[in-house]
Amino acid sequence: MKYYSRWVAIAALLIAFSSAVCFGAEKDATATVFFPETQYEFSPVLDGTKVVHDFVIQNKGDATLSVDRVKTG
């Protein structure tokens, strides 16, 4: 289960970085993605149990940050 949560975190980070797109932003304005929490360790669960965790994505930049899609690993 450790490896699964790491893959989910890595996939979320990669997708968010690659999907950050600025529309209608000024020339010098940029979107800067920030993740307060980059990984999460799920407690042990029985096989087949649904596990959920919300990752927070913050924009520390001046332009609009757009996350078009997110996939798990």
PDB file of N, CA and C in Angstrom:
ATOM      1  N   MET A   1       0.826  -1.195   0.000  1.00  0.00           N
ATOM      2  CA  MET A   1       0.000   0.000   0.000  1.00  0.00           C
ATOM      3  C   MET A   1       0.867   1.255   0.000  1.00  0.00           C
ATOM      4  N   LYS A   2       2.096   1.155   0.553  1.00  0.00           N
ATOM      5  CA  LYS A   2       2.998   2.305   0.561  1.00  0.00           C
ATOM      6  C   LYS A   2       3.295   2.774  -0.856  1.00  0.00           C
ATOM      7  N   TYR A   3       3.596   1.815  -1.720  1.00  0.00           N
ATOM      8  CA  TYR A   3       3.968   2.158  -3.075  1.00  0.00           C
ATOM      9  C   TYR A   3       2.807   2.772  -3.841  1.00  0.00           C
ATOM     10  N   TYR A   4       1.598   2.326  -3.581  1.00  0.00           N
ATOM     11  CA  TYR A   4       0.423   2.873  -4.247  1.00  0.00           C
ATOM     12  C   TYR A   4       0.248   4.347  -3.909  1.00  0.00           C
ATOM     13  N   SER A   5       0.366   4.717  -2.639  1.00  0.00           N
ATOM     14  CA  SER A   5       0.179   6.117  -2.259  1.00  0.00           C
ATOM     15  C   SER A   5       1.275   6.997  -2.833  1.00  0.00           C
ATOM     16  N   ARG A   6       2.477   6.467  -2.938  1.00  0.00           N
ATOM     17  CA  ARG A   6       3.567   7.250  -3.545  1.00  0.00           C
ATOM     18  C   ARG A   6       3.300   7.467  -5.028  1.00  0.00           C
ATOM     19  N   TRP A   7       2.819   6.431  -5.716  1.00  0.00           N
ATOM     20  CA  TRP A   7       2.525   6.577  -7.129  1.00  0.00           C
ATOM     21  C   TRP A   7       1.398   7.578  -7.364  1.00  0.00           C
ATOM     22  N   VAL A   8       0.409   7.584  -6.500  1.00  0.00           N
ATOM     23  CA  VAL A   8      -0.689   8.549  -6.616  1.00  0.00           C
ATOM     24  C   VAL A   8      -0.147   9.960  -6.450  1.00  0.00           C
ATOM     25  N   ALA A   9       0.706  10.177  -5.465  1.00  0.00           N
ATOM     26  CA  ALA A   9       1.271  11.504  -5.233  1.00  0.00           C
ATOM     27  C   ALA A   9       2.152  11.933  -6.397  1.00  0.00           C
ATOM     28  N   ILE A  10       2.981  11.051  -6.884  1.00  0.00           N
ATOM     29  CA  ILE A  10       3.864  11.382  -8.003  1.00  0.00           C
ATOM     30  C   ILE A  10       3.050  11.696  -9.259  1.00  0.00           C
ATOM     31  N   ALA A  11       2.039  10.893  -9.521  1.00  0.00           N
ATOM     32  CA  ALA A  11       1.200  11.125 -10.696  1.00  0.00           C
ATOM     33  C   ALA A  11       0.480  12.469 -10.602  1.00  0.00           C
ATOM     34  N   ALA A  12      -0.042  12.789  -9.428  1.00  0.00           N
ATOM     35  CA  ALA A  12      -0.733  14.068  -9.241  1.00  0.00           C
ATOM     36  C   ALA A  12       0.218  15.238  -9.462  1.00  0.00           C
ATOM     37  N   LEU A  13       1.433  15.149  -8.957  1.00  0.00           N
ATOM     38  CA  LEU A  13       2.414  16.213  -9.146  1.00  0.00           C
ATOM     39  C   LEU A  13       2.778  16.381 -10.618  1.00  0.00           C
ATOM     40  N   LEU A  14       3.072  15.298 -11.295  1.00  0.00           N
ATOM     41  CA  LEU A  14       3.458  15.381 -12.699  1.00  0.00           C
ATOM     42  C   LEU A  14       2.345  15.941 -13.567  1.00  0.00           C
ATOM     43  N   ILE A  15       1.137  15.501 -13.319  1.00  0.00           N
ATOM     44  CA  ILE A  15       0.011  15.981 -14.127  1.00  0.00           C
ATOM     45  C   ILE A  15      -0.268  17.445 -13.856  1.00  0.00           C
ATOM     46  N   ALA A  16      -0.199  17.848 -12.603  1.00  0.00           N
ATOM     47  CA  ALA A  16      -0.451  19.248 -12.277  1.00  0.00           C
ATOM     48  C   ALA A  16       0.608  20.147 -12.902  1.00  0.00           C
ATOM     49  N   PHE A  17       1.860  19.740 -12.854  1.00  0.00           N
ATOM     50  CA  PHE A  17       2.917  20.539 -13.459  1.00  0.00           C
ATOM     51  C   PHE A  17       2.757  20.618 -14.973  1.00  0.00           C
ATOM     52  N   SER A  18       2.426  19.506 -15.596  1.00  0.00           N
ATOM     53  CA  SER A  18       2.311  19.495 -17.053  1.00  0.00           C
ATOM     54  C   SER A  18       1.010  20.130 -17.535  1.00  0.00           C
ATOM     55  N   SER A  19       0.006  20.224 -16.686  1.00  0.00           N
ATOM     56  CA  SER A  19      -1.288  20.772 -17.091  1.00  0.00           C
ATOM     57  C   SER A  19      -1.477  22.235 -16.709  1.00  0.00           C
ATOM     58  N   ALA A  20      -0.497  22.830 -16.043  1.00  0.00           N
ATOM     59  CA  ALA A  20      -0.614  24.232 -15.641  1.00  0.00           C
ATOM     60  C   ALA A  20      -0.534  25.117 -16.881  1.00  0.00           C
ATOM     61  N   VAL A  21      -1.652  25.743 -17.234  1.00  0.00           N
ATOM     62  CA  VAL A  21      -1.708  26.560 -18.434  1.00  0.00           C
ATOM     63  C   VAL A  21      -2.273  27.927 -18.062  1.00  0.00           C
ATOM     64  N   CYS A  22      -1.658  28.993 -18.594  1.00  0.00           N
ATOM     65  CA  CYS A  22      -2.124  30.359 -18.330  1.00  0.00           C
ATOM     66  C   CYS A  22      -2.890  30.876 -19.541  1.00  0.00           C
ATOM     67  N   PHE A  23      -4.107  31.339 -19.324  1.00  0.00           N
ATOM     68  CA  PHE A  23      -4.908  31.928 -20.390  1.00  0.00           C
ATOM     69  C   PHE A  23      -5.175  33.391 -20.057  1.00  0.00           C
ATOM     70  N   GLY A  24      -4.937  34.287 -21.014  1.00  0.00           N
ATOM     71  CA  GLY A  24      -5.219  35.701 -20.821  1.00  0.00           C
ATOM     72  C   GLY A  24      -4.341  36.359 -19.781  1.00  0.00           C
ATOM     73  N   ALA A  25      -3.184  35.828 -19.511  1.00  0.00           N
ATOM     74  CA  ALA A  25      -2.297  36.401 -18.511  1.00  0.00           C
ATOM     75  C   ALA A  25      -1.391  37.447 -19.155  1.00  0.00           C
ATOM     76  N   GLU A  26      -0.944  38.382 -18.353  1.00  0.00           N
ATOM     77  CA  GLU A  26      -0.010  39.390 -18.839  1.00  0.00           C
ATOM     78  C   GLU A  26       1.312  38.727 -19.187  1.00  0.00           C
ATOM     79  N   LYS A  27       2.149  39.462 -19.935  1.00  0.00           N
ATOM     80  CA  LYS A  27       3.408  38.898 -20.406  1.00  0.00           C
ATOM     81  C   LYS A  27       4.310  38.436 -19.264  1.00  0.00           C
ATOM     82  N   ASP A  28       4.411  39.209 -18.185  1.00  0.00           N
ATOM     83  CA  ASP A  28       5.301  38.883 -17.072  1.00  0.00           C
ATOM     84  C   ASP A  28       4.644  38.018 -16.004  1.00  0.00           C
ATOM     85  N   ALA A  29       3.342  37.839 -16.074  1.00  0.00           N
ATOM     86  CA  ALA A  29       2.641  37.062 -15.064  1.00  0.00           C
ATOM     87  C   ALA A  29       2.835  35.569 -15.318  1.00  0.00           C
ATOM     88  N   THR A  30       3.051  34.812 -14.251  1.00  0.00           N
ATOM     89  CA  THR A  30       3.191  33.365 -14.371  1.00  0.00           C
ATOM     90  C   THR A  30       2.399  32.676 -13.269  1.00  0.00           C
ATOM     91  N   ALA A  31       1.957  31.498 -13.561  1.00  0.00           N
ATOM     92  CA  ALA A  31       1.301  30.669 -12.552  1.00  0.00           C
ATOM     93  C   ALA A  31       2.386  29.830 -11.882  1.00  0.00           C
ATOM     94  N   THR A  32       2.365  29.758 -10.565  1.00  0.00           N
ATOM     95  CA  THR A  32       3.341  28.972  -9.820  1.00  0.00           C
ATOM     96  C   THR A  32       2.586  27.993  -8.938  1.00  0.00           C
ATOM     97  N   VAL A  33       2.713  26.719  -9.254  1.00  0.00           N
ATOM     98  CA  VAL A  33       1.990  25.695  -8.503  1.00  0.00           C
ATOM     99  C   VAL A  33       2.745  25.380  -7.213  1.00  0.00           C
ATOM    100  N   PHE A  34       1.986  25.160  -6.134  1.00  0.00           N
ATOM    101  CA  PHE A  34       2.565  24.835  -4.831  1.00  0.00           C
ATOM    102  C   PHE A  34       1.723  23.741  -4.190  1.00  0.00           C
ATOM    103  N   PHE A  35       2.392  22.706  -3.696  1.00  0.00           N
ATOM    104  CA  PHE A  35       1.728  21.600  -3.017  1.00  0.00           C
ATOM    105  C   PHE A  35       2.158  21.595  -1.549  1.00  0.00           C
ATOM    106  N   PRO A  36       1.274  21.970  -0.607  1.00  0.00           N
ATOM    107  CA  PRO A  36       1.640  21.922   0.812  1.00  0.00           C
ATOM    108  C   PRO A  36       1.965  20.496   1.264  1.00  0.00           C
ATOM    109  N   GLU A  37       1.359  19.510   0.626  1.00  0.00           N
ATOM    110  CA  GLU A  37       1.572  18.105   0.975  1.00  0.00           C
ATOM    111  C   GLU A  37       1.809  17.341  -0.329  1.00  0.00           C
ATOM    112  N   THR A  38       3.002  16.739  -0.474  1.00  0.00           N
ATOM    113  CA  THR A  38       3.322  16.070  -1.723  1.00  0.00           C
ATOM    114  C   THR A  38       3.115  14.561  -1.684  1.00  0.00           C
ATOM    115  N   GLN A  39       2.923  14.007  -0.511  1.00  0.00           N
ATOM    116  CA  GLN A  39       2.618  12.588  -0.421  1.00  0.00           C
ATOM    117  C   GLN A  39       1.756  12.319   0.811  1.00  0.00           C
ATOM    118  N   TYR A  40       1.074  11.190   0.775  1.00  0.00           N
ATOM    119  CA  TYR A  40       0.193  10.818   1.867  1.00  0.00           C
ATOM    120  C   TYR A  40       0.335   9.326   2.100  1.00  0.00           C
ATOM    121  N   GLU A  41       0.472   8.928   3.332  1.00  0.00           N
ATOM    122  CA  GLU A  41       0.622   7.519   3.695  1.00  0.00           C
ATOM    123  C   GLU A  41      -0.722   6.989   4.191  1.00  0.00           C
ATOM    124  N   PHE A  42      -1.352   6.122   3.391  1.00  0.00           N
ATOM    125  CA  PHE A  42      -2.614   5.522   3.794  1.00  0.00           C
ATOM    126  C   PHE A  42      -2.365   4.492   4.893  1.00  0.00           C
ATOM    127  N   SER A  43      -3.268   4.421   5.831  1.00  0.00           N
ATOM    128  CA  SER A  43      -3.169   3.380   6.856  1.00  0.00           C
ATOM    129  C   SER A  43      -3.541   2.042   6.212  1.00  0.00           C
ATOM    130  N   PRO A  44      -3.125   0.940   6.791  1.00  0.00           N
ATOM    131  CA  PRO A  44      -3.444  -0.369   6.204  1.00  0.00           C
ATOM    132  C   PRO A  44      -4.965  -0.587   6.108  1.00  0.00           C
ATOM    133  N   VAL A  45      -5.397  -1.105   4.971  1.00  0.00           N
ATOM    134  CA  VAL A  45      -6.817  -1.403   4.743  1.00  0.00           C
ATOM    135  C   VAL A  45      -6.933  -2.782   4.110  1.00  0.00           C
ATOM    136  N   LEU A  46      -8.120  -3.340   4.155  1.00  0.00           N
ATOM    137  CA  LEU A  46      -8.377  -4.620   3.514  1.00  0.00           C
ATOM    138  C   LEU A  46      -8.409  -4.442   2.000  1.00  0.00           C
ATOM    139  N   ASP A  47      -7.996  -5.458   1.283  1.00  0.00           N
ATOM    140  CA  ASP A  47      -8.000  -5.420  -0.170  1.00  0.00           C
ATOM    141  C   ASP A  47      -9.408  -5.147  -0.676  1.00  0.00           C
ATOM    142  N   GLY A  48      -9.538  -4.224  -1.618  1.00  0.00           N
ATOM    143  CA  GLY A  48     -10.837  -3.880  -2.187  1.00  0.00           C
ATOM    144  C   GLY A  48     -11.512  -2.703  -1.508  1.00  0.00           C
ATOM    145  N   THR A  49     -10.945  -2.217  -0.394  1.00  0.00           N
ATOM    146  CA  THR A  49     -11.517  -1.075   0.313  1.00  0.00           C
ATOM    147  C   THR A  49     -11.183   0.209  -0.432  1.00  0.00           C
ATOM    148  N   LYS A  50     -12.155   1.071  -0.597  1.00  0.00           N
ATOM    149  CA  LYS A  50     -11.943   2.353  -1.268  1.00  0.00           C
ATOM    150  C   LYS A  50     -11.211   3.302  -0.318  1.00  0.00           C
ATOM    151  N   VAL A  51     -10.118   3.893  -0.795  1.00  0.00           N
ATOM    152  CA  VAL A  51      -9.388   4.875   0.000  1.00  0.00           C
ATOM    153  C   VAL A  51      -9.373   6.196  -0.762  1.00  0.00           C
ATOM    154  N   VAL A  52      -9.511   7.307  -0.030  1.00  0.00           N
ATOM    155  CA  VAL A  52      -9.606   8.632  -0.640  1.00  0.00           C
ATOM    156  C   VAL A  52      -8.739   9.609   0.140  1.00  0.00           C
ATOM    157  N   HIS A  53      -8.067  10.485  -0.582  1.00  0.00           N
ATOM    158  CA  HIS A  53      -7.329  11.580   0.043  1.00  0.00           C
ATOM    159  C   HIS A  53      -7.342  12.764  -0.919  1.00  0.00           C
ATOM    160  N   ASP A  54      -7.588  13.957  -0.408  1.00  0.00           N
ATOM    161  CA  ASP A  54      -7.584  15.170  -1.227  1.00  0.00           C
ATOM    162  C   ASP A  54      -6.227  15.846  -1.132  1.00  0.00           C
ATOM    163  N   PHE A  55      -5.589  16.092  -2.284  1.00  0.00           N
ATOM    164  CA  PHE A  55      -4.353  16.847  -2.330  1.00  0.00           C
ATOM    165  C   PHE A  55      -4.692  18.293  -2.662  1.00  0.00           C
ATOM    166  N   VAL A  56      -4.143  19.230  -1.907  1.00  0.00           N
ATOM    167  CA  VAL A  56      -4.373  20.652  -2.111  1.00  0.00           C
ATOM    168  C   VAL A  56      -3.348  21.172  -3.111  1.00  0.00           C
ATOM    169  N   ILE A  57      -3.817  21.928  -4.093  1.00  0.00           N
ATOM    170  CA  ILE A  57      -2.951  22.579  -5.068  1.00  0.00           C
ATOM    171  C   ILE A  57      -3.189  24.073  -4.930  1.00  0.00           C
ATOM    172  N   GLN A  58      -2.111  24.834  -4.692  1.00  0.00           N
ATOM    173  CA  GLN A  58      -2.228  26.285  -4.537  1.00  0.00           C
ATOM    174  C   GLN A  58      -1.482  26.987  -5.661  1.00  0.00           C
ATOM    175  N   ASN A  59      -1.989  28.142  -6.064  1.00  0.00           N
ATOM    176  CA  ASN A  59      -1.325  28.978  -7.055  1.00  0.00           C
ATOM    177  C   ASN A  59      -0.657  30.133  -6.325  1.00  0.00           C
ATOM    178  N   LYS A  60       0.671  30.149  -6.304  1.00  0.00           N
ATOM    179  CA  LYS A  60       1.420  31.217  -5.651  1.00  0.00           C
ATOM    180  C   LYS A  60       1.840  32.299  -6.647  1.00  0.00           C
ATOM    181  N   GLY A  61       1.406  32.191  -7.898  1.00  0.00           N
ATOM    182  CA  GLY A  61       1.789  33.143  -8.941  1.00  0.00           C
ATOM    183  C   GLY A  61       0.734  34.199  -9.184  1.00  0.00           C
ATOM    184  N   ASP A  62       0.963  34.981 -10.240  1.00  0.00           N
ATOM    185  CA  ASP A  62       0.087  36.107 -10.594  1.00  0.00           C
ATOM    186  C   ASP A  62      -0.978  35.714 -11.618  1.00  0.00           C
ATOM    187  N   ALA A  63      -0.697  34.722 -12.416  1.00  0.00           N
ATOM    188  CA  ALA A  63      -1.611  34.338 -13.484  1.00  0.00           C
ATOM    189  C   ALA A  63      -2.528  33.203 -13.017  1.00  0.00           C
ATOM    190  N   THR A  64      -3.517  32.919 -13.831  1.00  0.00           N
ATOM    191  CA  THR A  64      -4.466  31.853 -13.537  1.00  0.00           C
ATOM    192  C   THR A  64      -3.803  30.495 -13.713  1.00  0.00           C
ATOM    193  N   LEU A  65      -3.997  29.635 -12.768  1.00  0.00           N
ATOM    194  CA  LEU A  65      -3.491  28.259 -12.840  1.00  0.00           C
ATOM    195  C   LEU A  65      -4.657  27.360 -13.207  1.00  0.00           C
ATOM    196  N   SER A  66      -4.524  26.647 -14.300  1.00  0.00           N
ATOM    197  CA  SER A  66      -5.584  25.760 -14.759  1.00  0.00           C
ATOM    198  C   SER A  66      -5.094  24.323 -14.727  1.00  0.00           C
ATOM    199  N   VAL A  67      -5.779  23.474 -13.983  1.00  0.00           N
ATOM    200  CA  VAL A  67      -5.480  22.040 -13.956  1.00  0.00           C
ATOM    201  C   VAL A  67      -6.555  21.378 -14.799  1.00  0.00           C
ATOM    202  N   ASP A  68      -6.152  20.898 -15.966  1.00  0.00           N
ATOM    203  CA  ASP A  68      -7.122  20.366 -16.920  1.00  0.00           C
ATOM    204  C   ASP A  68      -7.605  18.968 -16.577  1.00  0.00           C
ATOM    205  N   ARG A  69      -6.703  18.126 -16.039  1.00  0.00           N
ATOM    206  CA  ARG A  69      -7.110  16.773 -15.658  1.00  0.00           C
ATOM    207  C   ARG A  69      -6.070  16.198 -14.699  1.00  0.00           C
ATOM    208  N   VAL A  70      -6.492  15.192 -13.955  1.00  0.00           N
ATOM    209  CA  VAL A  70      -5.616  14.496 -13.011  1.00  0.00           C
ATOM    210  C   VAL A  70      -5.868  13.011 -13.159  1.00  0.00           C
ATOM    211  N   LYS A  71      -4.776  12.250 -13.189  1.00  0.00           N
ATOM    212  CA  LYS A  71      -4.870  10.795 -13.264  1.00  0.00           C
ATOM    213  C   LYS A  71      -4.074  10.176 -12.139  1.00  0.00           C
ATOM    214  N   THR A  72      -4.506   9.029 -11.701  1.00  0.00           N
ATOM    215  CA  THR A  72      -3.731   8.290 -10.695  1.00  0.00           C
ATOM    216  C   THR A  72      -2.784   7.347 -11.403  1.00  0.00           C
ATOM    217  N   GLY A  73      -1.754   6.903 -10.676  1.00  0.00           N
ATOM    218  CA  GLY A  73      -0.760   6.013 -11.265  1.00  0.00           C
ATOM    219  C   GLY A  73      -1.265   4.639 -11.285  1.00  0.00           C
TER     220      GLY A  73
END
